[in-house]
């Protein structure tokens, strides 16, 4: 019963990129663009952009936040 950006959770990785129309996209960009609200943001190209390039300091904040998840509390 699970659908959308979280995948189908049926154990078959071949259908994880199923669009709202029921098509299975072979790549991440086409899959993400299928869920994009028209005009809300630019479409993704064939390569996924690095989000840290548009937001200075993001990499350091993300690494600090992920360090908690990778730490002993979650092992």
PDB file of N, CA and C in Angstrom:
ATOM      1  N   UNK A   1       0.804  -1.203   0.000  1.00  0.00           N
ATOM      2  CA  UNK A   1       0.000   0.000   0.000  1.00  0.00           C
ATOM      3  C   UNK A   1       0.848   1.268   0.000  1.00  0.00           C
ATOM      4  N   UNK A   2       2.167   1.153   0.176  1.00  0.00           N
ATOM      5  CA  UNK A   2       3.035   2.326   0.218  1.00  0.00           C
ATOM      6  C   UNK A   2       3.381   2.741  -1.209  1.00  0.00           C
ATOM      7  N   UNK A   3       3.314   4.057  -1.478  1.00  0.00           N
ATOM      8  CA  UNK A   3       3.658   4.589  -2.793  1.00  0.00           C
ATOM      9  C   UNK A   3       4.315   5.945  -2.629  1.00  0.00           C
ATOM     10  N   UNK A   4       4.921   6.436  -3.694  1.00  0.00           N
ATOM     11  CA  UNK A   4       5.461   7.781  -3.683  1.00  0.00           C
ATOM     12  C   UNK A   4       6.958   7.820  -3.519  1.00  0.00           C
ATOM     13  N   UNK A   5       7.434   8.926  -2.988  1.00  0.00           N
ATOM     14  CA  UNK A   5       8.874   9.128  -2.855  1.00  0.00           C
ATOM     15  C   UNK A   5       9.519   8.131  -1.917  1.00  0.00           C
ATOM     16  N   UNK A   6       8.752   7.486  -1.055  1.00  0.00           N
ATOM     17  CA  UNK A   6       9.312   6.486  -0.143  1.00  0.00           C
ATOM     18  C   UNK A   6       9.425   5.121  -0.797  1.00  0.00           C
ATOM     19  N   UNK A   7       8.968   4.960  -2.024  1.00  0.00           N
ATOM     20  CA  UNK A   7       9.030   3.676  -2.707  1.00  0.00           C
ATOM     21  C   UNK A   7       7.798   2.833  -2.419  1.00  0.00           C
ATOM     22  N   UNK A   8       7.845   1.580  -2.853  1.00  0.00           N
ATOM     23  CA  UNK A   8       6.697   0.689  -2.701  1.00  0.00           C
ATOM     24  C   UNK A   8       6.824  -0.254  -1.509  1.00  0.00           C
ATOM     25  N   UNK A   9       8.024  -0.428  -1.020  1.00  0.00           N
ATOM     26  CA  UNK A   9       8.306  -1.278   0.136  1.00  0.00           C
ATOM     27  C   UNK A   9       7.743  -2.690  -0.036  1.00  0.00           C
ATOM     28  N   UNK A  10       7.947  -3.229  -1.247  1.00  0.00           N
ATOM     29  CA  UNK A  10       7.478  -4.586  -1.510  1.00  0.00           C
ATOM     30  C   UNK A  10       8.623  -5.568  -1.724  1.00  0.00           C
ATOM     31  N   UNK A  11       9.849  -5.121  -1.488  1.00  0.00           N
ATOM     32  CA  UNK A  11      11.010  -5.992  -1.636  1.00  0.00           C
ATOM     33  C   UNK A  11      11.555  -6.073  -3.055  1.00  0.00           C
ATOM     34  N   UNK A  12      10.881  -5.453  -4.021  1.00  0.00           N
ATOM     35  CA  UNK A  12      11.321  -5.467  -5.412  1.00  0.00           C
ATOM     36  C   UNK A  12      11.894  -4.097  -5.750  1.00  0.00           C
ATOM     37  N   UNK A  13      13.219  -3.996  -5.812  1.00  0.00           N
ATOM     38  CA  UNK A  13      13.857  -2.706  -6.050  1.00  0.00           C
ATOM     39  C   UNK A  13      13.628  -2.192  -7.466  1.00  0.00           C
ATOM     40  N   UNK A  14      13.174  -3.037  -8.381  1.00  0.00           N
ATOM     41  CA  UNK A  14      12.958  -2.595  -9.759  1.00  0.00           C
ATOM     42  C   UNK A  14      11.796  -1.623  -9.881  1.00  0.00           C
ATOM     43  N   UNK A  15      10.884  -1.585  -8.920  1.00  0.00           N
ATOM     44  CA  UNK A  15       9.733  -0.689  -9.038  1.00  0.00           C
ATOM     45  C   UNK A  15       9.736   0.430  -8.004  1.00  0.00           C
ATOM     46  N   UNK A  16      10.875   0.691  -7.398  1.00  0.00           N
ATOM     47  CA  UNK A  16      10.942   1.735  -6.376  1.00  0.00           C
ATOM     48  C   UNK A  16      10.753   3.138  -6.952  1.00  0.00           C
ATOM     49  N   UNK A  17      11.052   3.329  -8.222  1.00  0.00           N
ATOM     50  CA  UNK A  17      10.903   4.653  -8.839  1.00  0.00           C
ATOM     51  C   UNK A  17       9.590   4.741  -9.613  1.00  0.00           C
ATOM     52  N   UNK A  18       8.498   4.299  -9.025  1.00  0.00           N
ATOM     53  CA  UNK A  18       7.190   4.369  -9.670  1.00  0.00           C
ATOM     54  C   UNK A  18       6.611   5.766  -9.497  1.00  0.00           C
ATOM     55  N   UNK A  19       6.231   6.386 -10.614  1.00  0.00           N
ATOM     56  CA  UNK A  19       5.697   7.748 -10.607  1.00  0.00           C
ATOM     57  C   UNK A  19       4.217   7.744 -10.236  1.00  0.00           C
ATOM     58  N   UNK A  20       3.640   8.911  -9.985  1.00  0.00           N
ATOM     59  CA  UNK A  20       2.207   8.972  -9.687  1.00  0.00           C
ATOM     60  C   UNK A  20       1.344   8.406 -10.817  1.00  0.00           C
ATOM     61  N   UNK A  21       1.852   8.435 -12.050  1.00  0.00           N
ATOM     62  CA  UNK A  21       1.110   7.894 -13.186  1.00  0.00           C
ATOM     63  C   UNK A  21       1.258   6.383 -13.312  1.00  0.00           C
ATOM     64  N   UNK A  22       2.127   5.777 -12.490  1.00  0.00           N
ATOM     65  CA  UNK A  22       2.334   4.329 -12.532  1.00  0.00           C
ATOM     66  C   UNK A  22       3.492   3.885 -13.396  1.00  0.00           C
ATOM     67  N   UNK A  23       4.212   4.842 -14.004  1.00  0.00           N
ATOM     68  CA  UNK A  23       5.390   4.504 -14.797  1.00  0.00           C
ATOM     69  C   UNK A  23       6.560   4.242 -13.863  1.00  0.00           C
ATOM     70  N   UNK A  24       7.493   3.406 -14.298  1.00  0.00           N
ATOM     71  CA  UNK A  24       8.715   3.164 -13.525  1.00  0.00           C
ATOM     72  C   UNK A  24       9.849   3.879 -14.240  1.00  0.00           C
ATOM     73  N   UNK A  25      10.418   4.873 -13.570  1.00  0.00           N
ATOM     74  CA  UNK A  25      11.522   5.650 -14.144  1.00  0.00           C
ATOM     75  C   UNK A  25      12.850   4.963 -13.860  1.00  0.00           C
ATOM     76  N   UNK A  26      13.765   4.962 -14.834  1.00  0.00           N
ATOM     77  CA  UNK A  26      15.063   4.314 -14.619  1.00  0.00           C
ATOM     78  C   UNK A  26      16.051   5.149 -13.820  1.00  0.00           C
ATOM     79  N   UNK A  27      15.830   6.471 -13.736  1.00  0.00           N
ATOM     80  CA  UNK A  27      16.799   7.335 -13.063  1.00  0.00           C
ATOM     81  C   UNK A  27      16.172   8.223 -12.020  1.00  0.00           C
ATOM     82  N   UNK A  28      17.010   8.722 -11.131  1.00  0.00           N
ATOM     83  CA  UNK A  28      16.569   9.549 -10.014  1.00  0.00           C
ATOM     84  C   UNK A  28      15.969  10.868 -10.482  1.00  0.00           C
ATOM     85  N   UNK A  29      16.613  11.540 -11.444  1.00  0.00           N
ATOM     86  CA  UNK A  29      16.145  12.855 -11.870  1.00  0.00           C
ATOM     87  C   UNK A  29      14.742  12.777 -12.471  1.00  0.00           C
ATOM     88  N   UNK A  30      14.504  11.829 -13.362  1.00  0.00           N
ATOM     89  CA  UNK A  30      13.181  11.692 -13.980  1.00  0.00           C
ATOM     90  C   UNK A  30      12.133  11.347 -12.932  1.00  0.00           C
ATOM     91  N   UNK A  31      12.492  10.514 -11.977  1.00  0.00           N
ATOM     92  CA  UNK A  31      11.569  10.153 -10.901  1.00  0.00           C
ATOM     93  C   UNK A  31      11.217  11.373 -10.052  1.00  0.00           C
ATOM     94  N   UNK A  32      12.227  12.138  -9.650  1.00  0.00           N
ATOM     95  CA  UNK A  32      11.983  13.326  -8.823  1.00  0.00           C
ATOM     96  C   UNK A  32      11.165  14.359  -9.583  1.00  0.00           C
ATOM     97  N   UNK A  33      11.432  14.532 -10.871  1.00  0.00           N
ATOM     98  CA  UNK A  33      10.683  15.492 -11.665  1.00  0.00           C
ATOM     99  C   UNK A  33       9.219  15.107 -11.791  1.00  0.00           C
ATOM    100  N   UNK A  34       8.900  13.819 -11.709  1.00  0.00           N
ATOM    101  CA  UNK A  34       7.510  13.368 -11.795  1.00  0.00           C
ATOM    102  C   UNK A  34       6.699  13.848 -10.588  1.00  0.00           C
ATOM    103  N   UNK A  35       7.347  14.102  -9.470  1.00  0.00           N
ATOM    104  CA  UNK A  35       6.663  14.563  -8.256  1.00  0.00           C
ATOM    105  C   UNK A  35       6.763  16.075  -8.074  1.00  0.00           C
ATOM    106  N   UNK A  36       7.440  16.758  -8.996  1.00  0.00           N
ATOM    107  CA  UNK A  36       7.654  18.196  -8.896  1.00  0.00           C
ATOM    108  C   UNK A  36       6.356  18.939  -9.191  1.00  0.00           C
ATOM    109  N   UNK A  37       6.013  19.890  -8.355  1.00  0.00           N
ATOM    110  CA  UNK A  37       4.863  20.754  -8.605  1.00  0.00           C
ATOM    111  C   UNK A  37       5.252  21.745  -9.693  1.00  0.00           C
ATOM    112  N   UNK A  38       4.443  21.851 -10.724  1.00  0.00           N
ATOM    113  CA  UNK A  38       4.753  22.718 -11.859  1.00  0.00           C
ATOM    114  C   UNK A  38       5.011  24.147 -11.397  1.00  0.00           C
ATOM    115  N   UNK A  39       6.144  24.687 -11.784  1.00  0.00           N
ATOM    116  CA  UNK A  39       6.493  26.058 -11.454  1.00  0.00           C
ATOM    117  C   UNK A  39       7.044  26.255 -10.053  1.00  0.00           C
ATOM    118  N   UNK A  40       7.008  25.238  -9.208  1.00  0.00           N
ATOM    119  CA  UNK A  40       7.466  25.390  -7.827  1.00  0.00           C
ATOM    120  C   UNK A  40       8.988  25.419  -7.727  1.00  0.00           C
ATOM    121  N   UNK A  41       9.658  24.678  -8.594  1.00  0.00           N
ATOM    122  CA  UNK A  41      11.112  24.631  -8.570  1.00  0.00           C
ATOM    123  C   UNK A  41      11.587  24.157  -9.937  1.00  0.00           C
ATOM    124  N   UNK A  42      12.840  24.416 -10.278  1.00  0.00           N
ATOM    125  CA  UNK A  42      13.329  23.984 -11.590  1.00  0.00           C
ATOM    126  C   UNK A  42      13.443  22.462 -11.662  1.00  0.00           C
ATOM    127  N   UNK A  43      13.254  21.940 -12.849  1.00  0.00           N
ATOM    128  CA  UNK A  43      13.391  20.496 -13.064  1.00  0.00           C
ATOM    129  C   UNK A  43      14.847  20.088 -12.889  1.00  0.00           C
ATOM    130  N   UNK A  44      15.058  18.887 -12.397  1.00  0.00           N
ATOM    131  CA  UNK A  44      16.415  18.356 -12.265  1.00  0.00           C
ATOM    132  C   UNK A  44      16.928  17.932 -13.624  1.00  0.00           C
ATOM    133  N   UNK A  45      18.201  18.139 -13.840  1.00  0.00           N
ATOM    134  CA  UNK A  45      18.843  17.679 -15.062  1.00  0.00           C
ATOM    135  C   UNK A  45      19.292  16.235 -14.878  1.00  0.00           C
ATOM    136  N   UNK A  46      20.096  15.730 -15.796  1.00  0.00           N
ATOM    137  CA  UNK A  46      20.536  14.337 -15.680  1.00  0.00           C
ATOM    138  C   UNK A  46      21.440  14.075 -14.476  1.00  0.00           C
ATOM    139  N   UNK A  47      22.131  15.099 -13.991  1.00  0.00           N
ATOM    140  CA  UNK A  47      22.996  14.925 -12.820  1.00  0.00           C
ATOM    141  C   UNK A  47      22.340  15.614 -11.622  1.00  0.00           C
ATOM    142  N   UNK A  48      22.411  14.985 -10.480  1.00  0.00           N
ATOM    143  CA  UNK A  48      21.848  15.559  -9.265  1.00  0.00           C
ATOM    144  C   UNK A  48      22.791  16.653  -8.760  1.00  0.00           C
ATOM    145  N   UNK A  49      22.291  17.886  -8.587  1.00  0.00           N
ATOM    146  CA  UNK A  49      23.173  18.951  -8.101  1.00  0.00           C
ATOM    147  C   UNK A  49      23.554  18.738  -6.637  1.00  0.00           C
ATOM    148  N   UNK A  50      24.714  19.209  -6.292  1.00  0.00           N
ATOM    149  CA  UNK A  50      25.164  19.137  -4.903  1.00  0.00           C
ATOM    150  C   UNK A  50      24.491  20.268  -4.127  1.00  0.00           C
ATOM    151  N   UNK A  51      23.615  19.957  -3.168  1.00  0.00           N
ATOM    152  CA  UNK A  51      22.899  21.010  -2.448  1.00  0.00           C
ATOM    153  C   UNK A  51      23.816  21.926  -1.649  1.00  0.00           C
ATOM    154  N   UNK A  52      24.997  21.473  -1.328  1.00  0.00           N
ATOM    155  CA  UNK A  52      25.916  22.294  -0.551  1.00  0.00           C
ATOM    156  C   UNK A  52      26.469  23.459  -1.357  1.00  0.00           C
ATOM    157  N   UNK A  53      26.446  23.370  -2.687  1.00  0.00           N
ATOM    158  CA  UNK A  53      26.968  24.461  -3.507  1.00  0.00           C
ATOM    159  C   UNK A  53      26.080  25.692  -3.410  1.00  0.00           C
ATOM    160  N   UNK A  54      24.779  25.511  -3.255  1.00  0.00           N
ATOM    161  CA  UNK A  54      23.869  26.638  -3.198  1.00  0.00           C
ATOM    162  C   UNK A  54      23.686  27.225  -1.817  1.00  0.00           C
ATOM    163  N   UNK A  55      24.159  26.524  -0.803  1.00  0.00           N
ATOM    164  CA  UNK A  55      23.967  26.964   0.571  1.00  0.00           C
ATOM    165  C   UNK A  55      25.281  26.868   1.338  1.00  0.00           C
ATOM    166  N   UNK A  56      26.063  27.952   1.347  1.00  0.00           N
ATOM    167  CA  UNK A  56      27.348  27.920   2.052  1.00  0.00           C
ATOM    168  C   UNK A  56      27.180  27.527   3.521  1.00  0.00           C
ATOM    169  N   UNK A  57      28.040  26.651   3.981  1.00  0.00           N
ATOM    170  CA  UNK A  57      27.991  26.199   5.369  1.00  0.00           C
ATOM    171  C   UNK A  57      27.100  24.998   5.590  1.00  0.00           C
ATOM    172  N   UNK A  58      26.356  24.607   4.565  1.00  0.00           N
ATOM    173  CA  UNK A  58      25.432  23.477   4.714  1.00  0.00           C
ATOM    174  C   UNK A  58      26.161  22.166   4.974  1.00  0.00           C
ATOM    175  N   UNK A  59      27.272  21.972   4.276  1.00  0.00           N
ATOM    176  CA  UNK A  59      27.992  20.705   4.436  1.00  0.00           C
ATOM    177  C   UNK A  59      28.416  20.504   5.889  1.00  0.00           C
ATOM    178  N   UNK A  60      28.944  21.539   6.516  1.00  0.00           N
ATOM    179  CA  UNK A  60      29.397  21.412   7.902  1.00  0.00           C
ATOM    180  C   UNK A  60      28.222  21.113   8.837  1.00  0.00           C
ATOM    181  N   UNK A  61      27.089  21.796   8.640  1.00  0.00           N
ATOM    182  CA  UNK A  61      25.908  21.543   9.485  1.00  0.00           C
ATOM    183  C   UNK A  61      25.366  20.140   9.259  1.00  0.00           C
ATOM    184  N   UNK A  62      25.354  19.706   8.005  1.00  0.00           N
ATOM    185  CA  UNK A  62      24.855  18.363   7.691  1.00  0.00           C
ATOM    186  C   UNK A  62      25.766  17.293   8.291  1.00  0.00           C
ATOM    187  N   UNK A  63      27.069  17.487   8.185  1.00  0.00           N
ATOM    188  CA  UNK A  63      27.994  16.503   8.740  1.00  0.00           C
ATOM    189  C   UNK A  63      27.878  16.433  10.257  1.00  0.00           C
ATOM    190  N   UNK A  64      27.657  17.576  10.911  1.00  0.00           N
ATOM    191  CA  UNK A  64      27.484  17.580  12.367  1.00  0.00           C
ATOM    192  C   UNK A  64      26.202  16.857  12.759  1.00  0.00           C
ATOM    193  N   UNK A  65      25.134  17.083  12.002  1.00  0.00           N
ATOM    194  CA  UNK A  65      23.859  16.419  12.306  1.00  0.00           C
ATOM    195  C   UNK A  65      23.959  14.918  12.053  1.00  0.00           C
ATOM    196  N   UNK A  66      24.621  14.526  10.975  1.00  0.00           N
ATOM    197  CA  UNK A  66      24.767  13.106  10.660  1.00  0.00           C
ATOM    198  C   UNK A  66      25.685  12.393  11.644  1.00  0.00           C
ATOM    199  N   UNK A  67      26.609  13.131  12.232  1.00  0.00           N
ATOM    200  CA  UNK A  67      27.517  12.521  13.209  1.00  0.00           C
ATOM    201  C   UNK A  67      26.725  11.948  14.381  1.00  0.00           C
ATOM    202  N   UNK A  68      25.631  12.595  14.730  1.00  0.00           N
ATOM    203  CA  UNK A  68      24.776  12.088  15.809  1.00  0.00           C
ATOM    204  C   UNK A  68      24.173  10.755  15.396  1.00  0.00           C
ATOM    205  N   UNK A  69      23.678  10.669  14.162  1.00  0.00           N
ATOM    206  CA  UNK A  69      23.069   9.434  13.680  1.00  0.00           C
ATOM    207  C   UNK A  69      24.079   8.306  13.520  1.00  0.00           C
ATOM    208  N   UNK A  70      25.321   8.669  13.231  1.00  0.00           N
ATOM    209  CA  UNK A  70      26.360   7.662  13.053  1.00  0.00           C
ATOM    210  C   UNK A  70      27.042   7.315  14.381  1.00  0.00           C
ATOM    211  N   UNK A  71      26.687   8.005  15.445  1.00  0.00           N
ATOM    212  CA  UNK A  71      27.310   7.819  16.744  1.00  0.00           C
ATOM    213  C   UNK A  71      26.791   6.598  17.487  1.00  0.00           C
ATOM    214  N   UNK A  72      27.280   6.385  18.689  1.00  0.00           N
ATOM    215  CA  UNK A  72      26.966   5.199  19.468  1.00  0.00           C
ATOM    216  C   UNK A  72      25.480   5.072  19.836  1.00  0.00           C
ATOM    217  N   UNK A  73      24.760   6.168  19.928  1.00  0.00           N
ATOM    218  CA  UNK A  73      23.350   6.096  20.313  1.00  0.00           C
ATOM    219  C   UNK A  73      22.522   5.309  19.304  1.00  0.00           C
ATOM    220  N   UNK A  74      22.948   5.289  18.042  1.00  0.00           N
ATOM    221  CA  UNK A  74      22.174   4.614  16.998  1.00  0.00           C
ATOM    222  C   UNK A  74      22.854   3.366  16.451  1.00  0.00           C
ATOM    223  N   UNK A  75      23.855   2.874  17.122  1.00  0.00           N
ATOM    224  CA  UNK A  75      24.541   1.663  16.630  1.00  0.00           C
ATOM    225  C   UNK A  75      23.889   0.422  17.164  1.00  0.00           C
TER     226      UNK A  75
END
